Amino acid sequence: MRALIRFFSTVHALIAAMFTLVSLLFLVEAARTGWAAVGLEPLDSANQAIEAIGLLAIAVVSLQIAQTITEEEVIRDAHISAPTRLRRYLSRFLVVLVVALAVEGMVGTFKALHEHPGMLPSAAAVLAATALLLAAWGLFIKLNRSAEELEPEAMEEAKKEDAKLDKS
């Protein structure tokens, strides 16, 4: 069984490395796009800058996913079974996802307003879905709180795992 657990940790580490690589590729592309905005007409320059912001948002999401996988699955070797662990794990992922989707929605709105007005409903749908995701996440946290109170030792265990992270 230990060999299987080590195998899963190794696979998680590889997945985290791939997310990190993709994040770096998006970062490079965002820098190229931002640099290309210099010297363009004001509207084109603004569009390029906003495109760079969207690419940076995707890079942040990829990097945050890599960090979460590394910390939770490789370093802590946590098992997502306790309510506290589940809330913390999902919250780490969702906070980045909600921010990235909001940025993408704003980028889409700006582009739709200036380039393709017919795409405005799609941009609005992304923002509405982001708001719905944020509301659902809040509801999950509220409902999960009572489950966490039933297992106070899970919170203590999670804090011990945090200390394990601080030492690495």
N, C-alpha and C. Protein backbone atom coordinates (compact mmCIF):
# COMPACT_ATOMS: atom_id res chain seq x y z
N MET A 1 0.81 -1.19 0.00
CA MET A 1 0.00 0.00 0.00
C MET A 1 0.86 1.26 0.00
N ARG A 2 1.99 1.23 0.71
CA ARG A 2 2.88 2.40 0.74
C ARG A 2 3.42 2.72 -0.65
N ALA A 3 3.70 1.69 -1.43
CA ALA A 3 4.20 1.91 -2.79
C ALA A 3 3.14 2.62 -3.63
N LEU A 4 1.89 2.26 -3.45
CA LEU A 4 0.81 2.90 -4.19
C LEU A 4 0.66 4.37 -3.78
N ILE A 5 0.78 4.62 -2.49
CA ILE A 5 0.69 6.01 -2.00
C ILE A 5 1.86 6.83 -2.55
N ARG A 6 3.07 6.26 -2.56
CA ARG A 6 4.23 6.96 -3.14
C ARG A 6 4.03 7.21 -4.63
N PHE A 7 3.44 6.22 -5.31
CA PHE A 7 3.15 6.39 -6.74
C PHE A 7 2.21 7.57 -6.96
N PHE A 8 1.14 7.66 -6.18
CA PHE A 8 0.19 8.77 -6.33
C PHE A 8 0.86 10.11 -6.01
N SER A 9 1.71 10.14 -5.00
CA SER A 9 2.44 11.38 -4.68
C SER A 9 3.34 11.79 -5.84
N THR A 10 3.98 10.81 -6.45
CA THR A 10 4.86 11.10 -7.60
C THR A 10 4.05 11.63 -8.77
N VAL A 11 2.91 11.01 -9.04
CA VAL A 11 2.05 11.48 -10.14
C VAL A 11 1.56 12.89 -9.84
N HIS A 12 1.17 13.14 -8.60
CA HIS A 12 0.74 14.49 -8.23
C HIS A 12 1.88 15.49 -8.42
N ALA A 13 3.08 15.12 -8.06
CA ALA A 13 4.24 16.00 -8.25
C ALA A 13 4.47 16.30 -9.73
N LEU A 14 4.32 15.29 -10.58
CA LEU A 14 4.47 15.50 -12.02
C LEU A 14 3.37 16.42 -12.56
N ILE A 15 2.16 16.23 -12.11
CA ILE A 15 1.05 17.09 -12.54
C ILE A 15 1.31 18.53 -12.09
N ALA A 16 1.78 18.70 -10.86
CA ALA A 16 2.09 20.05 -10.36
C ALA A 16 3.20 20.68 -11.20
N ALA A 17 4.21 19.89 -11.57
CA ALA A 17 5.29 20.42 -12.42
C ALA A 17 4.75 20.84 -13.78
N MET A 18 3.82 20.07 -14.33
CA MET A 18 3.23 20.43 -15.62
C MET A 18 2.40 21.71 -15.51
N PHE A 19 1.65 21.86 -14.44
CA PHE A 19 0.90 23.11 -14.23
C PHE A 19 1.85 24.30 -14.11
N THR A 20 2.99 24.09 -13.43
CA THR A 20 3.97 25.15 -13.28
C THR A 20 4.55 25.53 -14.64
N LEU A 21 4.88 24.54 -15.45
CA LEU A 21 5.41 24.80 -16.79
C LEU A 21 4.41 25.57 -17.64
N VAL A 22 3.16 25.15 -17.61
CA VAL A 22 2.12 25.86 -18.36
C VAL A 22 1.98 27.29 -17.85
N SER A 23 2.06 27.48 -16.54
CA SER A 23 1.98 28.82 -15.97
C SER A 23 3.11 29.69 -16.49
N LEU A 24 4.31 29.15 -16.55
CA LEU A 24 5.45 29.91 -17.07
C LEU A 24 5.27 30.25 -18.55
N LEU A 25 4.69 29.32 -19.32
CA LEU A 25 4.43 29.60 -20.73
C LEU A 25 3.42 30.74 -20.88
N PHE A 26 2.38 30.72 -20.05
CA PHE A 26 1.40 31.82 -20.10
C PHE A 26 2.05 33.13 -19.66
N LEU A 27 2.94 33.08 -18.70
CA LEU A 27 3.64 34.28 -18.24
C LEU A 27 4.48 34.88 -19.37
N VAL A 28 5.20 34.03 -20.08
CA VAL A 28 6.01 34.50 -21.21
C VAL A 28 5.12 35.11 -22.28
N GLU A 29 4.02 34.44 -22.59
CA GLU A 29 3.10 34.96 -23.61
C GLU A 29 2.47 36.27 -23.17
N ALA A 30 2.15 36.40 -21.89
CA ALA A 30 1.60 37.65 -21.37
C ALA A 30 2.62 38.78 -21.50
N ALA A 31 3.88 38.49 -21.21
CA ALA A 31 4.93 39.50 -21.34
C ALA A 31 5.08 39.92 -22.80
N ARG A 32 5.06 38.95 -23.71
CA ARG A 32 5.16 39.27 -25.14
C ARG A 32 3.98 40.11 -25.60
N THR A 33 2.79 39.74 -25.15
CA THR A 33 1.58 40.47 -25.53
C THR A 33 1.61 41.89 -24.96
N GLY A 34 2.01 42.02 -23.70
CA GLY A 34 2.11 43.34 -23.08
C GLY A 34 3.15 44.21 -23.77
N TRP A 35 4.27 43.63 -24.11
CA TRP A 35 5.32 44.39 -24.78
C TRP A 35 4.87 44.82 -26.18
N ALA A 36 4.10 43.96 -26.84
CA ALA A 36 3.59 44.30 -28.17
C ALA A 36 2.62 45.48 -28.11
N ALA A 37 2.02 45.72 -26.95
CA ALA A 37 1.07 46.83 -26.80
C ALA A 37 1.77 48.18 -26.83
N VAL A 38 3.06 48.19 -26.52
CA VAL A 38 3.80 49.45 -26.49
C VAL A 38 3.94 49.98 -27.92
N GLY A 39 3.56 51.21 -28.11
CA GLY A 39 3.72 51.85 -29.41
C GLY A 39 2.55 51.66 -30.35
N LEU A 40 1.52 50.95 -29.95
CA LEU A 40 0.35 50.78 -30.80
C LEU A 40 -0.60 51.96 -30.61
N GLU A 41 -1.60 52.03 -31.45
CA GLU A 41 -2.65 53.02 -31.27
C GLU A 41 -3.29 52.80 -29.90
N PRO A 42 -3.83 53.84 -29.28
CA PRO A 42 -4.37 53.70 -27.91
C PRO A 42 -5.38 52.56 -27.74
N LEU A 43 -6.34 52.42 -28.63
CA LEU A 43 -7.34 51.37 -28.48
C LEU A 43 -6.72 49.99 -28.66
N ASP A 44 -5.85 49.85 -29.66
CA ASP A 44 -5.16 48.57 -29.85
C ASP A 44 -4.25 48.25 -28.69
N SER A 45 -3.58 49.29 -28.18
CA SER A 45 -2.69 49.10 -27.03
C SER A 45 -3.48 48.64 -25.81
N ALA A 46 -4.65 49.25 -25.58
CA ALA A 46 -5.49 48.86 -24.44
C ALA A 46 -5.97 47.42 -24.62
N ASN A 47 -6.36 47.06 -25.81
CA ASN A 47 -6.82 45.68 -26.07
C ASN A 47 -5.70 44.68 -25.82
N GLN A 48 -4.50 44.98 -26.26
CA GLN A 48 -3.36 44.10 -26.03
C GLN A 48 -3.03 43.99 -24.54
N ALA A 49 -3.10 45.13 -23.84
CA ALA A 49 -2.81 45.12 -22.40
C ALA A 49 -3.85 44.28 -21.67
N ILE A 50 -5.10 44.40 -22.06
CA ILE A 50 -6.16 43.61 -21.42
C ILE A 50 -5.98 42.13 -21.75
N GLU A 51 -5.56 41.83 -22.94
CA GLU A 51 -5.26 40.43 -23.30
C GLU A 51 -4.13 39.89 -22.43
N ALA A 52 -3.12 40.72 -22.19
CA ALA A 52 -2.01 40.31 -21.32
C ALA A 52 -2.50 40.04 -19.90
N ILE A 53 -3.44 40.86 -19.41
CA ILE A 53 -3.99 40.65 -18.08
C ILE A 53 -4.72 39.32 -18.01
N GLY A 54 -5.48 39.00 -19.05
CA GLY A 54 -6.17 37.71 -19.10
C GLY A 54 -5.20 36.54 -19.07
N LEU A 55 -4.11 36.66 -19.81
CA LEU A 55 -3.09 35.60 -19.82
C LEU A 55 -2.43 35.48 -18.44
N LEU A 56 -2.20 36.61 -17.80
CA LEU A 56 -1.62 36.56 -16.45
C LEU A 56 -2.57 35.90 -15.47
N ALA A 57 -3.87 36.14 -15.62
CA ALA A 57 -4.85 35.50 -14.73
C ALA A 57 -4.80 33.99 -14.89
N ILE A 58 -4.69 33.52 -16.12
CA ILE A 58 -4.60 32.08 -16.36
C ILE A 58 -3.29 31.54 -15.78
N ALA A 59 -2.22 32.31 -15.90
CA ALA A 59 -0.93 31.87 -15.33
C ALA A 59 -1.03 31.74 -13.82
N VAL A 60 -1.70 32.69 -13.17
CA VAL A 60 -1.85 32.63 -11.72
C VAL A 60 -2.66 31.40 -11.32
N VAL A 61 -3.75 31.14 -12.04
CA VAL A 61 -4.57 29.96 -11.73
C VAL A 61 -3.74 28.69 -11.86
N SER A 62 -2.99 28.57 -12.94
CA SER A 62 -2.16 27.37 -13.14
C SER A 62 -1.13 27.22 -12.04
N LEU A 63 -0.50 28.33 -11.67
CA LEU A 63 0.52 28.27 -10.62
C LEU A 63 -0.10 27.95 -9.26
N GLN A 64 -1.27 28.52 -8.98
CA GLN A 64 -1.93 28.24 -7.71
C GLN A 64 -2.37 26.78 -7.63
N ILE A 65 -2.85 26.24 -8.74
CA ILE A 65 -3.22 24.82 -8.75
C ILE A 65 -1.98 23.97 -8.48
N ALA A 66 -0.87 24.32 -9.10
CA ALA A 66 0.38 23.59 -8.87
C ALA A 66 0.79 23.66 -7.41
N GLN A 67 0.70 24.84 -6.81
CA GLN A 67 1.08 25.00 -5.40
C GLN A 67 0.14 24.19 -4.51
N THR A 68 -1.16 24.25 -4.78
CA THR A 68 -2.12 23.52 -3.96
C THR A 68 -1.88 22.02 -4.05
N ILE A 69 -1.68 21.52 -5.24
CA ILE A 69 -1.41 20.08 -5.41
C ILE A 69 -0.14 19.69 -4.68
N THR A 70 0.90 20.51 -4.83
CA THR A 70 2.18 20.20 -4.18
C THR A 70 2.04 20.19 -2.66
N GLU A 71 1.42 21.23 -2.12
CA GLU A 71 1.30 21.31 -0.66
C GLU A 71 0.37 20.24 -0.09
N GLU A 72 -0.77 20.04 -0.74
CA GLU A 72 -1.78 19.14 -0.18
C GLU A 72 -1.49 17.66 -0.47
N GLU A 73 -1.02 17.35 -1.65
CA GLU A 73 -0.89 15.95 -2.04
C GLU A 73 0.53 15.41 -1.96
N VAL A 74 1.52 16.29 -2.05
CA VAL A 74 2.91 15.81 -2.04
C VAL A 74 3.55 16.06 -0.67
N ILE A 75 3.55 17.31 -0.22
CA ILE A 75 4.22 17.63 1.05
C ILE A 75 3.42 17.12 2.24
N ARG A 76 2.14 17.51 2.31
CA ARG A 76 1.32 17.10 3.45
C ARG A 76 0.84 15.67 3.33
N ASP A 77 0.73 15.20 2.11
CA ASP A 77 0.16 13.87 1.86
C ASP A 77 -1.20 13.77 2.56
N ALA A 78 -1.99 14.83 2.40
CA ALA A 78 -3.28 14.92 3.08
C ALA A 78 -4.32 14.07 2.37
N HIS A 79 -5.23 13.57 3.14
CA HIS A 79 -6.35 12.82 2.60
C HIS A 79 -7.59 13.68 2.81
N ILE A 80 -8.26 13.99 1.72
CA ILE A 80 -9.37 14.93 1.76
C ILE A 80 -10.64 14.21 2.22
N SER A 81 -10.69 13.86 3.49
CA SER A 81 -11.87 13.16 4.00
C SER A 81 -12.55 13.96 5.12
N ALA A 82 -11.80 14.66 5.91
CA ALA A 82 -12.37 15.44 7.00
C ALA A 82 -12.99 16.73 6.44
N PRO A 83 -14.08 17.20 7.04
CA PRO A 83 -14.73 18.42 6.56
C PRO A 83 -13.79 19.63 6.54
N THR A 84 -12.94 19.76 7.55
CA THR A 84 -12.01 20.88 7.60
C THR A 84 -11.04 20.83 6.43
N ARG A 85 -10.46 19.68 6.18
CA ARG A 85 -9.50 19.51 5.09
C ARG A 85 -10.18 19.80 3.74
N LEU A 86 -11.40 19.30 3.57
CA LEU A 86 -12.13 19.51 2.32
C LEU A 86 -12.39 21.00 2.09
N ARG A 87 -12.86 21.70 3.13
CA ARG A 87 -13.13 23.13 2.99
C ARG A 87 -11.87 23.90 2.64
N ARG A 88 -10.80 23.59 3.32
CA ARG A 88 -9.55 24.31 3.07
C ARG A 88 -9.02 24.03 1.66
N TYR A 89 -9.10 22.78 1.26
CA TYR A 89 -8.61 22.40 -0.07
C TYR A 89 -9.43 23.09 -1.16
N LEU A 90 -10.74 23.00 -1.06
CA LEU A 90 -11.60 23.63 -2.07
C LEU A 90 -11.48 25.15 -2.04
N SER A 91 -11.35 25.72 -0.86
CA SER A 91 -11.25 27.17 -0.76
C SER A 91 -9.99 27.69 -1.44
N ARG A 92 -8.90 26.99 -1.27
CA ARG A 92 -7.65 27.41 -1.92
C ARG A 92 -7.80 27.44 -3.43
N PHE A 93 -8.46 26.43 -3.95
CA PHE A 93 -8.67 26.35 -5.39
C PHE A 93 -9.69 27.38 -5.86
N LEU A 94 -10.81 27.47 -5.16
CA LEU A 94 -11.90 28.32 -5.62
C LEU A 94 -11.60 29.81 -5.54
N VAL A 95 -10.82 30.24 -4.55
CA VAL A 95 -10.51 31.66 -4.47
C VAL A 95 -9.76 32.11 -5.73
N VAL A 96 -8.84 31.31 -6.19
CA VAL A 96 -8.08 31.66 -7.39
C VAL A 96 -8.97 31.56 -8.63
N LEU A 97 -9.78 30.51 -8.68
CA LEU A 97 -10.66 30.31 -9.82
C LEU A 97 -11.66 31.46 -9.95
N VAL A 98 -12.27 31.87 -8.86
CA VAL A 98 -13.25 32.95 -8.89
C VAL A 98 -12.59 34.26 -9.34
N VAL A 99 -11.42 34.56 -8.82
CA VAL A 99 -10.73 35.78 -9.23
C VAL A 99 -10.36 35.72 -10.71
N ALA A 100 -9.84 34.58 -11.16
CA ALA A 100 -9.45 34.45 -12.57
C ALA A 100 -10.66 34.55 -13.49
N LEU A 101 -11.76 33.92 -13.11
CA LEU A 101 -12.97 34.01 -13.93
C LEU A 101 -13.51 35.44 -13.96
N ALA A 102 -13.44 36.14 -12.84
CA ALA A 102 -13.88 37.53 -12.82
C ALA A 102 -13.02 38.39 -13.74
N VAL A 103 -11.70 38.17 -13.70
CA VAL A 103 -10.81 38.92 -14.58
C VAL A 103 -11.11 38.57 -16.04
N GLU A 104 -11.28 37.29 -16.34
CA GLU A 104 -11.60 36.88 -17.70
C GLU A 104 -12.93 37.48 -18.15
N GLY A 105 -13.91 37.53 -17.25
CA GLY A 105 -15.19 38.14 -17.59
C GLY A 105 -15.05 39.61 -17.90
N MET A 106 -14.21 40.31 -17.14
CA MET A 106 -13.98 41.73 -17.41
C MET A 106 -13.24 41.91 -18.74
N VAL A 107 -12.24 41.06 -18.99
CA VAL A 107 -11.52 41.12 -20.25
C VAL A 107 -12.49 40.88 -21.41
N GLY A 108 -13.32 39.85 -21.26
CA GLY A 108 -14.30 39.54 -22.30
C GLY A 108 -15.29 40.68 -22.52
N THR A 109 -15.72 41.31 -21.43
CA THR A 109 -16.64 42.44 -21.54
C THR A 109 -16.00 43.60 -22.29
N PHE A 110 -14.76 43.91 -21.94
CA PHE A 110 -14.05 45.01 -22.60
C PHE A 110 -13.88 44.72 -24.09
N LYS A 111 -13.46 43.51 -24.40
CA LYS A 111 -13.26 43.15 -25.81
C LYS A 111 -14.58 43.17 -26.57
N ALA A 112 -15.63 42.68 -25.93
CA ALA A 112 -16.94 42.66 -26.59
C ALA A 112 -17.43 44.08 -26.84
N LEU A 113 -17.25 44.95 -25.88
CA LEU A 113 -17.71 46.33 -26.05
C LEU A 113 -16.99 47.04 -27.19
N HIS A 114 -15.72 46.73 -27.40
CA HIS A 114 -14.92 47.46 -28.39
C HIS A 114 -14.74 46.73 -29.71
N GLU A 115 -14.87 45.41 -29.72
CA GLU A 115 -14.59 44.67 -30.94
C GLU A 115 -15.78 43.87 -31.47
N HIS A 116 -16.44 43.14 -30.59
CA HIS A 116 -17.51 42.23 -31.01
C HIS A 116 -18.71 42.37 -30.07
N PRO A 117 -19.55 43.38 -30.27
CA PRO A 117 -20.69 43.58 -29.36
C PRO A 117 -21.61 42.36 -29.25
N GLY A 118 -21.64 41.52 -30.26
CA GLY A 118 -22.46 40.32 -30.20
C GLY A 118 -21.99 39.32 -29.17
N MET A 119 -20.75 39.46 -28.70
CA MET A 119 -20.20 38.55 -27.69
C MET A 119 -20.46 39.02 -26.26
N LEU A 120 -21.11 40.17 -26.12
CA LEU A 120 -21.38 40.71 -24.79
C LEU A 120 -22.21 39.76 -23.92
N PRO A 121 -23.25 39.09 -24.47
CA PRO A 121 -23.98 38.13 -23.63
C PRO A 121 -23.10 36.98 -23.12
N SER A 122 -22.14 36.56 -23.90
CA SER A 122 -21.23 35.50 -23.45
C SER A 122 -20.35 35.99 -22.30
N ALA A 123 -19.85 37.20 -22.41
CA ALA A 123 -19.04 37.77 -21.33
C ALA A 123 -19.88 37.94 -20.08
N ALA A 124 -21.12 38.38 -20.26
CA ALA A 124 -22.02 38.53 -19.10
C ALA A 124 -22.31 37.17 -18.48
N ALA A 125 -22.42 36.13 -19.29
CA ALA A 125 -22.66 34.78 -18.77
C ALA A 125 -21.48 34.30 -17.93
N VAL A 126 -20.26 34.63 -18.36
CA VAL A 126 -19.08 34.25 -17.57
C VAL A 126 -19.12 34.96 -16.21
N LEU A 127 -19.46 36.23 -16.21
CA LEU A 127 -19.53 36.96 -14.95
C LEU A 127 -20.67 36.45 -14.07
N ALA A 128 -21.81 36.12 -14.67
CA ALA A 128 -22.94 35.58 -13.90
C ALA A 128 -22.58 34.22 -13.31
N ALA A 129 -21.92 33.39 -14.10
CA ALA A 129 -21.49 32.07 -13.60
C ALA A 129 -20.47 32.22 -12.48
N THR A 130 -19.61 33.22 -12.59
CA THR A 130 -18.63 33.49 -11.53
C THR A 130 -19.34 33.89 -10.24
N ALA A 131 -20.35 34.74 -10.37
CA ALA A 131 -21.12 35.15 -9.19
C ALA A 131 -21.85 33.95 -8.59
N LEU A 132 -22.38 33.10 -9.42
CA LEU A 132 -23.07 31.90 -8.93
C LEU A 132 -22.09 30.96 -8.22
N LEU A 133 -20.91 30.80 -8.79
CA LEU A 133 -19.88 29.97 -8.17
C LEU A 133 -19.47 30.54 -6.81
N LEU A 134 -19.32 31.85 -6.73
CA LEU A 134 -18.96 32.50 -5.47
C LEU A 134 -20.06 32.29 -4.42
N ALA A 135 -21.32 32.43 -4.83
CA ALA A 135 -22.44 32.22 -3.91
C ALA A 135 -22.50 30.76 -3.45
N ALA A 136 -22.30 29.83 -4.36
CA ALA A 136 -22.32 28.40 -4.01
C ALA A 136 -21.18 28.07 -3.06
N TRP A 137 -20.02 28.66 -3.28
CA TRP A 137 -18.88 28.45 -2.40
C TRP A 137 -19.20 28.97 -0.99
N GLY A 138 -19.80 30.15 -0.91
CA GLY A 138 -20.19 30.69 0.39
C GLY A 138 -21.19 29.79 1.10
N LEU A 139 -22.14 29.26 0.36
CA LEU A 139 -23.12 28.34 0.94
C LEU A 139 -22.44 27.07 1.43
N PHE A 140 -21.50 26.56 0.64
CA PHE A 140 -20.76 25.36 1.04
C PHE A 140 -20.01 25.61 2.35
N ILE A 141 -19.36 26.74 2.46
CA ILE A 141 -18.61 27.06 3.69
C ILE A 141 -19.56 27.14 4.88
N LYS A 142 -20.69 27.79 4.67
CA LYS A 142 -21.67 27.92 5.76
C LYS A 142 -22.18 26.56 6.20
N LEU A 143 -22.53 25.71 5.25
CA LEU A 143 -23.06 24.39 5.59
C LEU A 143 -21.98 23.47 6.15
N ASN A 144 -20.76 23.66 5.71
CA ASN A 144 -19.65 22.82 6.16
C ASN A 144 -19.25 23.14 7.60
N ARG A 145 -19.54 24.34 8.03
CA ARG A 145 -19.13 24.77 9.38
C ARG A 145 -19.70 23.86 10.46
N SER A 146 -20.96 23.48 10.33
CA SER A 146 -21.56 22.62 11.35
C SER A 146 -20.90 21.25 11.36
N ALA A 147 -20.50 20.77 10.20
CA ALA A 147 -19.80 19.48 10.14
C ALA A 147 -18.42 19.58 10.78
N GLU A 148 -17.75 20.72 10.59
CA GLU A 148 -16.44 20.92 11.20
C GLU A 148 -16.53 20.96 12.73
N GLU A 149 -17.60 21.52 13.24
CA GLU A 149 -17.76 21.61 14.69
C GLU A 149 -17.94 20.24 15.32
N LEU A 150 -18.40 19.26 14.54
CA LEU A 150 -18.56 17.90 15.05
C LEU A 150 -17.21 17.19 15.19
N GLU A 151 -16.20 17.67 14.46
CA GLU A 151 -14.87 17.06 14.48
C GLU A 151 -13.80 18.10 14.76
N PRO A 152 -13.73 18.65 15.99
CA PRO A 152 -12.72 19.68 16.27
C PRO A 152 -11.28 19.16 16.15
N GLU A 153 -11.11 17.85 16.31
CA GLU A 153 -9.75 17.30 16.19
C GLU A 153 -9.24 17.41 14.76
N ALA A 154 -10.14 17.48 13.78
CA ALA A 154 -9.71 17.62 12.38
C ALA A 154 -9.03 18.97 12.16
N MET A 155 -9.52 20.01 12.81
CA MET A 155 -8.90 21.33 12.69
C MET A 155 -7.51 21.31 13.31
N GLU A 156 -7.37 20.66 14.44
CA GLU A 156 -6.05 20.55 15.08
C GLU A 156 -5.08 19.79 14.18
N GLU A 157 -5.56 18.73 13.56
CA GLU A 157 -4.73 17.94 12.64
C GLU A 157 -4.29 18.80 11.45
N ALA A 158 -5.22 19.59 10.93
CA ALA A 158 -4.89 20.48 9.80
C ALA A 158 -3.84 21.49 10.20
N LYS A 159 -3.93 22.01 11.42
CA LYS A 159 -2.93 22.97 11.90
C LYS A 159 -1.56 22.33 12.04
N LYS A 160 -1.53 21.06 12.47
CA LYS A 160 -0.25 20.34 12.56
C LYS A 160 0.35 20.16 11.17
N GLU A 161 -0.50 19.89 10.18
CA GLU A 161 -0.02 19.75 8.81
C GLU A 161 0.53 21.07 8.29
N ASP A 162 -0.08 22.20 8.71
CA ASP A 162 0.43 23.50 8.33
C ASP A 162 1.85 23.69 8.86
N ALA A 163 2.09 23.24 10.09
CA ALA A 163 3.42 23.34 10.68
C ALA A 163 4.42 22.52 9.87
N LYS A 164 3.96 21.37 9.35
CA LYS A 164 4.81 20.53 8.51
C LYS A 164 5.23 21.30 7.25
N LEU A 165 4.33 22.09 6.72
CA LEU A 165 4.62 22.91 5.54
C LEU A 165 5.63 23.98 5.85
N ASP A 166 5.49 24.62 7.01
CA ASP A 166 6.39 25.70 7.40
C ASP A 166 7.82 25.23 7.53
N LYS A 167 8.02 23.96 7.89
CA LYS A 167 9.37 23.42 8.08
C LYS A 167 10.05 23.06 6.75
N SER A 168 9.25 22.88 5.70
CA SER A 168 9.87 22.47 4.42
C SER A 168 10.36 23.62 3.61
